[in-house]
Amino acid sequence: MKTFLKLLSVTVGGLMISSLAQAQTKIGVLVPDSGPGGLFGPSARQAAELAAEDINAAGGIGGAPIELVFADVGVPPAQAVQSVQRLWRGQGVEGFVGMHDSAVRAALTGQFKGEVPYVYTAVYEGGECAASTYVTGETPAQQLDPVIPWLAENKGASKWYLIGNDYNWPRDTNAVATGYIAGAGGEIVGEEYVPLGTSDFDASLVRIKASGADAILVTLVGGDSVGFNIAYSAFGLPEQALRVGTLIEENTLAGIGAANAAGLYSSMGYFANLPNDAAAAYVDRINATFGDQAAQPNGLGQSIYDGLVLLAAMGNAAGSMDADAIASVADGTSFSSPRGSAQLDGNHVAQSVYLADGSSGSFEVVASFDSVPHGVVCN
């Protein structure tokens, strides 16, 4: 670790006064301030500030406070890599925490080559095994393995229609879902993928109605999810089939609106109104700290808090920010956050997952599942 204590000597009125000035450990925080994910930039930055406050109050990393250095990674991967290289090679950043898309993650792991600890916090498709890369984001196994059987038993979900955007996260998520649906005694009656930026879902909704589906797995993102769910309600389909999404958080639900949310569920590791004291305290702190600039807490933004707390825990266990030193002690590292307690299992986190009903226009947790395995096997 580059962090160390410097002895400063100052002469005042003929007296030599010595003091200890402590250098800081620089941590890079990679968030989307622009692009499609820019909506989550403010909540991610605010989560990072609260995490740094908590980490430093507990002694920092190795006794040294951390300093956050931000970069906008809501840009094409090549541009994101350039920004991150400036932090790493140019500004001496010793570890990274990022909430961004998988294309940027793949580009960064190709650059890092295991030489710097990197915690990835976004909901994602699973399968990341790069050296010195640690993942706190929910995987499809965590979001669906406990939830699909619950919906089958409690809501009678058996005939599933899968609709998502046409890229790797929805396709990989649905590939995993297929096994869980079969295991719960269900069947898939339709599956389709639409381009990012789709605004007309009429043909899809006609197919859903004709399929006889009683459950819809939604892996659309952002505005596409909002548009689909509004149109779904207008077609009168909530009377036919429930919906469950794995990337529907508070901002997306607000866009959908309460009038269009009947029978709409979401499976994630965090909701702002989780029924625990830590979650309530986190929301109170966001509001108290940032006032009228406070961003709506949500699972993607809040995940940065978890990533920073995990990185600090690993650095303290290793006694260093050296990537190899951290790798030697990382497995089994535990930490607590507004989500609850979590533990690193390999390079992913076993964590609690919650199923929430958004029918009222705000989320109400109806089921919780503790220490859900991530389902990722790295050789």
Protein backbone atom coordinates (compact mmCIF):
# COMPACT_ATOMS: atom_id res chain seq x y z
CA MET A 1 0.00 0.00 0.00
CA LYS A 2 1.26 3.46 -0.86
CA THR A 3 -0.40 4.86 2.24
CA PHE A 4 2.01 5.85 4.99
CA LEU A 5 2.59 8.40 7.75
CA LYS A 6 4.65 11.49 7.07
CA LEU A 7 6.29 13.41 9.91
CA LEU A 8 5.84 17.14 9.48
CA SER A 9 7.95 19.60 11.48
CA VAL A 10 6.87 23.23 11.79
CA THR A 11 8.72 26.00 13.65
CA VAL A 12 6.42 28.43 15.44
CA GLY A 13 7.79 31.17 17.74
CA GLY A 14 11.09 29.34 18.13
CA LEU A 15 9.37 26.05 19.08
CA MET A 16 9.59 22.93 16.95
CA ILE A 17 6.11 21.38 16.65
CA SER A 18 5.79 17.90 15.15
CA SER A 19 2.55 16.45 13.82
CA LEU A 20 1.53 13.36 11.95
CA ALA A 21 -0.14 13.93 8.59
CA GLN A 22 -1.72 10.82 7.18
CA ALA A 23 -1.84 10.16 3.46
CA GLN A 24 -5.07 8.76 2.12
CA THR A 25 -5.81 5.57 0.21
CA LYS A 26 -7.37 6.50 -3.10
CA ILE A 27 -10.32 4.38 -4.21
CA GLY A 28 -11.79 4.76 -7.68
CA VAL A 29 -15.58 4.83 -7.84
CA LEU A 30 -16.90 4.08 -11.31
CA VAL A 31 -20.49 5.18 -11.92
CA PRO A 32 -22.63 6.11 -14.93
CA ASP A 33 -23.05 9.88 -14.87
CA SER A 34 -24.10 9.79 -18.52
CA GLY A 35 -25.68 7.41 -21.01
CA PRO A 36 -28.66 5.11 -20.35
CA GLY A 37 -27.52 4.41 -16.79
CA GLY A 38 -27.05 8.09 -15.95
CA LEU A 39 -30.26 8.03 -13.91
CA PHE A 40 -28.39 6.02 -11.28
CA GLY A 41 -25.29 8.22 -11.08
CA PRO A 42 -26.54 10.54 -8.32
CA SER A 43 -27.74 7.72 -6.04
CA ALA A 44 -24.47 5.82 -6.59
CA ARG A 45 -22.35 8.87 -5.73
CA GLN A 46 -24.37 9.54 -2.59
CA ALA A 47 -24.07 5.91 -1.53
CA ALA A 48 -20.30 6.15 -2.01
CA GLU A 49 -20.08 9.24 0.20
CA LEU A 50 -21.96 7.53 3.03
CA ALA A 51 -19.78 4.43 2.72
CA ALA A 52 -16.58 6.49 2.86
CA GLU A 53 -17.88 8.27 5.95
CA ASP A 54 -18.56 4.92 7.66
CA ILE A 55 -15.27 3.35 6.57
CA ASN A 56 -13.24 6.32 7.77
CA ALA A 57 -15.13 6.49 11.05
CA ALA A 58 -14.09 2.87 11.62
CA GLY A 59 -10.42 3.62 10.91
CA GLY A 60 -10.24 3.53 7.13
CA ILE A 61 -8.12 0.85 5.50
CA GLY A 62 -5.02 -0.13 7.43
CA GLY A 63 -5.54 2.86 9.69
CA ALA A 64 -5.53 5.33 6.81
CA PRO A 65 -8.63 7.20 5.62
CA ILE A 66 -9.90 6.59 2.11
CA GLU A 67 -10.33 9.24 -0.57
CA LEU A 68 -12.89 8.68 -3.29
CA VAL A 69 -11.98 9.50 -6.89
CA PHE A 70 -14.89 9.30 -9.33
CA ALA A 71 -15.06 8.51 -13.04
CA ASP A 72 -18.01 8.51 -15.42
CA VAL A 73 -18.28 5.08 -17.03
CA GLY A 74 -21.66 5.56 -18.68
CA VAL A 75 -19.71 5.82 -21.93
CA PRO A 76 -18.44 3.34 -24.55
CA PRO A 77 -16.02 0.77 -23.08
CA ALA A 78 -12.91 2.15 -24.77
CA GLN A 79 -13.60 5.61 -23.37
CA ALA A 80 -14.29 4.19 -19.91
CA VAL A 81 -10.96 2.34 -19.98
CA GLN A 82 -9.12 5.56 -20.77
CA SER A 83 -10.73 7.33 -17.81
CA VAL A 84 -9.95 4.47 -15.45
CA GLN A 85 -6.35 4.22 -16.64
CA ARG A 86 -5.87 7.88 -15.75
CA LEU A 87 -7.03 7.16 -12.21
CA TRP A 88 -5.01 3.98 -11.84
CA ARG A 89 -1.74 4.85 -13.50
CA GLY A 90 -1.93 8.62 -13.26
CA GLN A 91 -3.49 9.33 -9.86
CA GLY A 92 -2.37 6.31 -7.87
CA VAL A 93 -5.77 4.77 -7.23
CA GLU A 94 -5.28 1.48 -5.35
CA GLY A 95 -8.65 -0.21 -5.78
CA PHE A 96 -11.87 0.21 -7.74
CA VAL A 97 -15.59 -0.20 -7.11
CA GLY A 98 -17.88 0.00 -10.13
CA MET A 99 -21.60 -0.06 -10.95
CA HIS A 100 -21.93 -0.11 -14.73
CA ASP A 101 -22.77 -2.37 -17.64
CA SER A 102 -21.12 -5.68 -18.45
CA ALA A 103 -19.38 -4.41 -21.58
CA VAL A 104 -17.45 -1.89 -19.49
CA ARG A 105 -16.72 -4.58 -16.88
CA ALA A 106 -15.24 -6.89 -19.52
CA ALA A 107 -13.07 -4.08 -20.89
CA LEU A 108 -11.80 -3.18 -17.43
CA THR A 109 -10.93 -6.71 -16.35
CA GLY A 110 -8.96 -7.02 -19.59
CA GLN A 111 -6.95 -3.97 -18.58
CA PHE A 112 -6.57 -4.74 -14.89
CA LYS A 113 -5.32 -8.32 -15.47
CA GLY A 114 -5.67 -9.04 -11.75
CA GLU A 115 -3.18 -6.32 -10.80
CA VAL A 116 -5.64 -4.19 -8.79
CA PRO A 117 -8.64 -5.17 -6.64
CA TYR A 118 -11.93 -4.41 -8.38
CA VAL A 119 -15.43 -4.85 -6.93
CA TYR A 120 -18.32 -4.97 -9.40
CA THR A 121 -21.69 -4.19 -7.85
CA ALA A 122 -24.38 -4.19 -10.55
CA VAL A 123 -27.09 -6.78 -11.15
CA TYR A 124 -25.61 -8.89 -13.92
CA GLU A 125 -25.76 -12.15 -15.90
CA GLY A 126 -23.21 -14.14 -13.83
CA GLY A 127 -20.05 -15.92 -14.89
CA GLU A 128 -17.37 -13.36 -13.98
CA CYS A 129 -14.20 -15.15 -12.86
CA ALA A 130 -11.39 -12.66 -13.61
CA ALA A 131 -8.54 -12.53 -11.11
CA SER A 132 -8.93 -9.98 -8.29
CA THR A 133 -12.47 -9.17 -9.43
CA TYR A 134 -15.17 -9.48 -6.77
CA VAL A 135 -18.90 -9.28 -7.40
CA THR A 136 -21.61 -8.08 -5.03
CA GLY A 137 -24.34 -7.70 -7.67
CA GLU A 138 -27.24 -10.13 -7.80
CA THR A 139 -26.96 -13.03 -10.24
CA PRO A 140 -29.87 -14.70 -12.06
CA ALA A 141 -29.55 -17.69 -9.73
CA GLN A 142 -30.04 -15.47 -6.70
CA GLN A 143 -32.95 -13.54 -8.15
CA LEU A 144 -34.84 -16.49 -9.61
CA ASP A 145 -33.98 -19.76 -7.86
CA PRO A 146 -36.03 -18.96 -4.73
CA VAL A 147 -38.56 -16.66 -6.41
CA ILE A 148 -39.96 -18.83 -9.22
CA PRO A 149 -40.99 -21.67 -6.85
CA TRP A 150 -42.48 -19.09 -4.46
CA LEU A 151 -44.60 -17.61 -7.24
CA ALA A 152 -45.66 -21.09 -8.34
CA GLU A 153 -46.74 -22.07 -4.83
CA ASN A 154 -48.27 -18.79 -3.72
CA LYS A 155 -49.55 -17.26 -6.96
CA GLY A 156 -50.11 -20.27 -9.19
CA ALA A 157 -47.54 -19.18 -11.78
CA SER A 158 -47.02 -22.06 -14.22
CA LYS A 159 -47.18 -20.79 -17.80
CA TRP A 160 -44.32 -18.36 -18.36
CA TYR A 161 -43.68 -15.87 -21.13
CA LEU A 162 -40.16 -14.41 -21.22
CA ILE A 163 -39.55 -10.97 -22.74
CA GLY A 164 -36.29 -9.04 -22.64
CA ASN A 165 -33.98 -6.74 -24.53
CA ASP A 166 -31.74 -8.35 -27.10
CA TYR A 167 -28.33 -8.57 -25.41
CA ASN A 168 -26.46 -10.88 -23.07
CA TRP A 169 -28.00 -10.06 -19.68
CA PRO A 170 -31.65 -10.83 -20.62
CA ARG A 171 -30.69 -13.89 -22.69
CA ASP A 172 -28.44 -15.32 -20.00
CA THR A 173 -30.99 -14.59 -17.28
CA ASN A 174 -33.73 -16.34 -19.22
CA ALA A 175 -31.51 -19.33 -19.94
CA VAL A 176 -31.13 -19.77 -16.19
CA ALA A 177 -34.83 -19.15 -15.60
CA THR A 178 -35.75 -22.01 -17.93
CA GLY A 179 -34.37 -24.58 -15.50
CA TYR A 180 -36.06 -23.05 -12.46
CA ILE A 181 -39.41 -22.88 -14.25
CA ALA A 182 -39.18 -26.55 -15.20
CA GLY A 183 -38.11 -27.45 -11.67
CA ALA A 184 -41.20 -25.72 -10.27
CA GLY A 185 -43.44 -27.72 -12.61
CA GLY A 186 -44.01 -24.86 -15.03
CA GLU A 187 -43.55 -24.41 -18.77
CA ILE A 188 -42.43 -21.67 -21.12
CA VAL A 189 -45.18 -20.67 -23.54
CA GLY A 190 -43.29 -17.88 -25.28
CA GLU A 191 -39.93 -16.12 -25.41
CA GLU A 192 -38.82 -13.04 -27.32
CA TYR A 193 -36.20 -10.31 -27.38
CA VAL A 194 -36.58 -6.76 -28.63
CA PRO A 195 -33.94 -4.13 -29.50
CA LEU A 196 -32.90 -1.61 -26.87
CA GLY A 197 -34.98 1.51 -27.33
CA THR A 198 -38.16 -0.30 -28.38
CA SER A 199 -41.26 1.82 -27.83
CA ASP A 200 -44.02 -0.15 -29.59
CA PHE A 201 -44.93 -3.39 -27.81
CA ASP A 202 -48.32 -4.01 -29.42
CA ALA A 203 -47.25 -7.10 -31.35
CA SER A 204 -45.57 -8.57 -28.27
CA LEU A 205 -48.65 -7.99 -26.16
CA VAL A 206 -50.86 -9.70 -28.73
CA ARG A 207 -48.54 -12.74 -28.58
CA ILE A 208 -48.56 -12.73 -24.78
CA LYS A 209 -52.36 -12.66 -24.68
CA ALA A 210 -52.64 -15.49 -27.21
CA SER A 211 -50.07 -17.62 -25.38
CA GLY A 212 -52.26 -18.12 -22.32
CA ALA A 213 -49.37 -17.15 -20.06
CA ASP A 214 -50.13 -16.58 -16.39
CA ALA A 215 -46.68 -15.19 -15.52
CA ILE A 216 -44.32 -12.85 -17.38
CA LEU A 217 -40.59 -12.63 -16.68
CA VAL A 218 -39.52 -9.12 -17.68
CA THR A 219 -35.83 -8.53 -18.48
CA LEU A 220 -36.33 -5.23 -20.24
CA VAL A 221 -34.30 -2.28 -18.97
CA GLY A 222 -34.95 1.37 -18.23
CA GLY A 223 -37.36 3.13 -20.55
CA ASP A 224 -38.15 -0.10 -22.38
CA SER A 225 -39.39 -1.64 -19.15
CA VAL A 226 -41.46 1.45 -18.36
CA GLY A 227 -43.03 1.51 -21.83
CA PHE A 228 -43.78 -2.22 -21.85
CA ASN A 229 -45.42 -2.22 -18.44
CA ILE A 230 -47.59 0.80 -19.21
CA ALA A 231 -48.74 -0.80 -22.47
CA TYR A 232 -49.26 -4.15 -20.68
CA SER A 233 -51.70 -2.50 -18.32
CA ALA A 234 -53.49 -0.68 -21.15
CA PHE A 235 -54.04 -4.05 -22.87
CA GLY A 236 -55.79 -5.34 -19.74
CA LEU A 237 -53.20 -8.10 -19.29
CA PRO A 238 -52.75 -7.79 -15.49
CA GLU A 239 -55.99 -9.76 -15.21
CA GLN A 240 -54.36 -12.62 -17.14
CA ALA A 241 -50.81 -12.80 -15.84
CA LEU A 242 -48.58 -11.48 -13.09
CA ARG A 243 -45.27 -9.86 -13.96
CA VAL A 244 -41.90 -10.21 -12.25
CA GLY A 245 -38.79 -8.24 -13.16
CA THR A 246 -35.18 -8.56 -12.08
CA LEU A 247 -34.24 -4.95 -12.81
CA ILE A 248 -37.32 -3.03 -11.72
CA GLU A 249 -36.24 -0.68 -8.95
CA GLU A 250 -37.79 2.45 -7.44
CA ASN A 251 -37.11 4.79 -10.37
CA THR A 252 -38.48 2.33 -12.91
CA LEU A 253 -41.57 1.69 -10.78
CA ALA A 254 -42.17 5.44 -10.51
CA GLY A 255 -42.06 5.68 -14.31
CA ILE A 256 -44.51 2.79 -14.66
CA GLY A 257 -46.89 4.37 -12.16
CA ALA A 258 -49.26 2.83 -9.63
CA ALA A 259 -52.10 2.75 -12.15
CA ASN A 260 -50.09 0.33 -14.31
CA ALA A 261 -48.50 -1.80 -11.60
CA ALA A 262 -51.20 -4.31 -10.66
CA GLY A 263 -49.61 -7.73 -10.22
CA LEU A 264 -46.10 -6.38 -10.76
CA TYR A 265 -43.29 -7.95 -8.70
CA SER A 266 -39.57 -7.31 -8.50
CA SER A 267 -36.77 -9.56 -7.26
CA MET A 268 -33.67 -7.73 -6.01
CA GLY A 269 -31.21 -7.57 -3.15
CA TYR A 270 -32.33 -4.14 -1.99
CA PHE A 271 -35.43 -2.00 -1.78
CA ALA A 272 -35.54 1.35 -0.03
CA ASN A 273 -38.25 0.22 2.39
CA LEU A 274 -36.72 -3.09 3.45
CA PRO A 275 -38.14 -3.97 6.87
CA ASN A 276 -34.93 -3.62 8.86
CA ASP A 277 -33.39 -0.85 10.95
CA ALA A 278 -30.25 -0.55 8.81
CA ALA A 279 -32.26 0.09 5.65
CA ALA A 280 -34.39 2.73 7.36
CA ALA A 281 -31.31 4.42 8.81
CA TYR A 282 -29.67 4.48 5.37
CA VAL A 283 -32.64 6.28 3.79
CA ASP A 284 -32.77 8.72 6.72
CA ARG A 285 -29.07 9.49 6.29
CA ILE A 286 -29.44 10.06 2.55
CA ASN A 287 -32.24 12.54 3.18
CA ALA A 288 -30.50 14.26 6.09
CA THR A 289 -27.14 14.52 4.31
CA PHE A 290 -28.28 15.64 0.87
CA GLY A 291 -31.58 17.37 1.60
CA ASP A 292 -33.45 18.44 -1.52
CA GLN A 293 -30.61 16.99 -3.62
CA ALA A 294 -31.15 13.50 -2.19
CA ALA A 295 -31.53 10.89 -4.92
CA GLN A 296 -34.14 8.15 -4.64
CA PRO A 297 -32.40 5.18 -2.98
CA ASN A 298 -32.47 2.11 -5.21
CA GLY A 299 -30.69 -1.21 -5.57
CA LEU A 300 -28.25 -0.14 -8.27
CA GLY A 301 -27.14 3.07 -6.58
CA GLN A 302 -27.02 1.56 -3.10
CA SER A 303 -24.84 -1.31 -4.37
CA ILE A 304 -21.86 1.05 -4.43
CA TYR A 305 -22.09 1.26 -0.64
CA ASP A 306 -21.76 -2.52 -0.40
CA GLY A 307 -18.85 -2.60 -2.81
CA LEU A 308 -16.85 -0.04 -0.87
CA VAL A 309 -17.55 -1.71 2.49
CA LEU A 310 -16.46 -5.07 1.06
CA LEU A 311 -13.27 -3.61 -0.42
CA ALA A 312 -12.40 -2.00 2.91
CA ALA A 313 -13.05 -5.25 4.78
CA MET A 314 -10.77 -7.18 2.41
CA GLY A 315 -8.05 -4.52 2.58
CA ASN A 316 -8.11 -4.55 6.35
CA ALA A 317 -8.03 -8.35 6.47
CA ALA A 318 -5.05 -8.37 4.11
CA GLY A 319 -3.29 -5.48 5.81
CA SER A 320 -2.68 -4.10 2.33
CA MET A 321 -4.35 -3.00 -0.88
CA ASP A 322 -2.06 -5.31 -2.85
CA ALA A 323 -4.20 -7.41 -5.20
CA ASP A 324 -2.46 -10.69 -4.38
CA ALA A 325 -2.60 -10.06 -0.64
CA ILE A 326 -6.34 -9.39 -0.84
CA ALA A 327 -6.92 -12.45 -3.02
CA SER A 328 -5.28 -14.63 -0.37
CA VAL A 329 -7.81 -13.60 2.32
CA ALA A 330 -10.91 -12.58 0.34
CA ASP A 331 -12.92 -15.80 0.46
CA GLY A 332 -15.25 -15.74 3.45
CA THR A 333 -15.03 -12.00 4.06
CA SER A 334 -18.30 -10.84 5.61
CA PHE A 335 -19.85 -7.42 5.91
CA SER A 336 -23.11 -5.70 6.82
CA SER A 337 -25.02 -3.07 4.90
CA PRO A 338 -28.56 -1.70 4.49
CA ARG A 339 -29.31 -4.94 2.61
CA GLY A 340 -28.42 -7.11 5.58
CA SER A 341 -25.45 -9.40 6.15
CA ALA A 342 -23.46 -10.89 3.28
CA GLN A 343 -20.38 -13.05 2.83
CA LEU A 344 -17.96 -13.49 -0.01
CA ASP A 345 -18.08 -17.04 -1.37
CA GLY A 346 -15.27 -17.40 -3.88
CA ASN A 347 -15.39 -14.10 -5.75
CA HIS A 348 -19.16 -13.55 -5.46
CA VAL A 349 -21.39 -12.68 -2.53
CA ALA A 350 -23.96 -14.99 -0.98
CA GLN A 351 -26.67 -12.55 0.03
CA SER A 352 -30.28 -11.97 0.93
CA VAL A 353 -32.78 -11.50 -1.89
CA TYR A 354 -36.23 -9.98 -1.58
CA LEU A 355 -39.42 -10.31 -3.61
CA ALA A 356 -41.50 -7.15 -3.52
CA ASP A 357 -44.98 -6.33 -4.77
CA GLY A 358 -45.17 -2.98 -6.56
CA SER A 359 -48.93 -2.94 -7.10
CA SER A 360 -49.47 0.09 -4.88
CA GLY A 361 -46.87 2.17 -6.70
CA SER A 362 -44.27 1.52 -4.00
CA PHE A 363 -42.58 -1.74 -3.11
CA GLU A 364 -43.81 -3.98 -0.30
CA VAL A 365 -41.57 -6.94 0.50
CA VAL A 366 -43.67 -10.12 0.46
CA ALA A 367 -40.89 -12.71 0.76
CA SER A 368 -37.25 -12.72 1.79
CA PHE A 369 -34.61 -15.36 1.18
CA ASP A 370 -31.41 -15.38 3.25
CA SER A 371 -27.88 -16.19 2.11
CA VAL A 372 -28.90 -17.18 -1.41
CA PRO A 373 -26.03 -18.87 -3.31
CA HIS A 374 -24.77 -17.01 -6.37
CA GLY A 375 -24.53 -20.07 -8.61
CA VAL A 376 -21.24 -19.04 -10.23
CA VAL A 377 -18.48 -21.65 -10.43
CA CYS A 378 -14.96 -20.43 -11.17
CA ASN A 379 -12.19 -22.95 -11.79
